[in-house]
Amino acid sequence: MEKLLSILKEIKADVDFEKETELVDAGVLDSLEIVSIISSIEETFGLEINPDDIDPDNFQSAVAMWEMIQRLK
């Protein structure tokens, strides 16, 4: 989880990713930032995020992203 939080902070340093639960719905992350997150997750964790997994629910919070990563491992 620490690696994921580090990735997220690099992309958007002013967000408290440990507390925020509506990153997509509240417009905290835009589509370009999500694409950057996907790319970084794939590279860092050595996995492939399929189009089916690019669902807003998987990117609403750091916890949701972490759960997606664990599921894809």
Protein backbone atom coordinates (compact mmCIF):
# COMPACT_ATOMS: atom_id res chain seq x y z
CA MET A 1 0.00 0.00 0.00
CA GLU A 2 2.92 2.36 0.71
CA LYS A 3 4.10 2.06 -2.91
CA LEU A 4 0.63 2.95 -4.14
CA LEU A 5 0.38 5.96 -1.85
CA SER A 6 3.78 7.09 -3.10
CA ILE A 7 2.60 6.84 -6.72
CA LEU A 8 -0.54 8.81 -5.92
CA LYS A 9 1.39 11.54 -4.10
CA GLU A 10 3.73 11.91 -7.08
CA ILE A 11 0.76 12.47 -9.38
CA LYS A 12 -1.24 14.76 -7.08
CA ALA A 13 0.66 15.86 -3.97
CA ASP A 14 -2.05 18.05 -2.47
CA VAL A 15 -4.58 15.25 -1.88
CA ASP A 16 -4.89 13.18 1.31
CA PHE A 17 -5.23 9.81 -0.39
CA GLU A 18 -5.52 8.00 2.93
CA LYS A 19 -8.80 9.78 3.73
CA GLU A 20 -10.36 10.71 0.37
CA THR A 21 -13.09 8.29 -0.77
CA GLU A 22 -14.57 10.06 -3.80
CA LEU A 23 -11.55 10.78 -5.96
CA VAL A 24 -13.48 10.32 -9.22
CA ASP A 25 -16.98 11.45 -8.21
CA ALA A 26 -15.72 14.64 -6.56
CA GLY A 27 -13.47 15.43 -9.54
CA VAL A 28 -10.28 15.22 -7.49
CA LEU A 29 -8.68 13.11 -10.24
CA ASP A 30 -9.15 13.87 -13.91
CA SER A 31 -8.87 11.36 -16.75
CA LEU A 32 -5.23 12.18 -17.52
CA GLU A 33 -4.26 11.64 -13.89
CA ILE A 34 -6.08 8.31 -13.87
CA VAL A 35 -4.19 7.25 -17.01
CA SER A 36 -0.93 8.19 -15.25
CA ILE A 37 -1.96 6.19 -12.18
CA ILE A 38 -2.81 3.16 -14.33
CA SER A 39 0.55 3.34 -16.10
CA SER A 40 2.46 3.69 -12.83
CA ILE A 41 0.55 0.84 -11.18
CA GLU A 42 1.24 -1.45 -14.13
CA GLU A 43 4.94 -0.59 -14.11
CA THR A 44 5.44 -0.68 -10.34
CA PHE A 45 3.45 -3.83 -9.61
CA GLY A 46 4.18 -5.69 -12.87
CA LEU A 47 0.58 -6.27 -13.86
CA GLU A 48 -1.83 -5.33 -16.61
CA ILE A 49 -5.01 -3.40 -15.93
CA ASN A 50 -7.60 -4.53 -18.46
CA PRO A 51 -10.20 -2.14 -19.91
CA ASP A 52 -12.86 -3.91 -17.80
CA ASP A 53 -10.96 -2.87 -14.67
CA ILE A 54 -10.88 0.78 -15.68
CA ASP A 55 -14.07 1.44 -13.77
CA PRO A 56 -14.54 4.62 -11.71
CA ASP A 57 -15.32 2.50 -8.64
CA ASN A 58 -11.78 1.06 -8.78
CA PHE A 59 -10.31 4.59 -8.56
CA GLN A 60 -12.53 6.26 -5.93
CA SER A 61 -9.96 5.77 -3.17
CA ALA A 62 -6.50 4.42 -2.50
CA VAL A 63 -8.15 1.44 -0.78
CA ALA A 64 -10.23 0.67 -3.89
CA MET A 65 -7.10 0.87 -6.07
CA TRP A 66 -5.19 -1.37 -3.64
CA GLU A 67 -7.99 -3.93 -3.70
CA MET A 68 -7.90 -3.90 -7.52
CA ILE A 69 -4.12 -4.44 -7.47
CA GLN A 70 -4.48 -7.37 -5.07
CA ARG A 71 -7.20 -8.90 -7.25
CA LEU A 72 -5.05 -8.58 -10.40
CA LYS A 73 -1.90 -10.11 -8.88
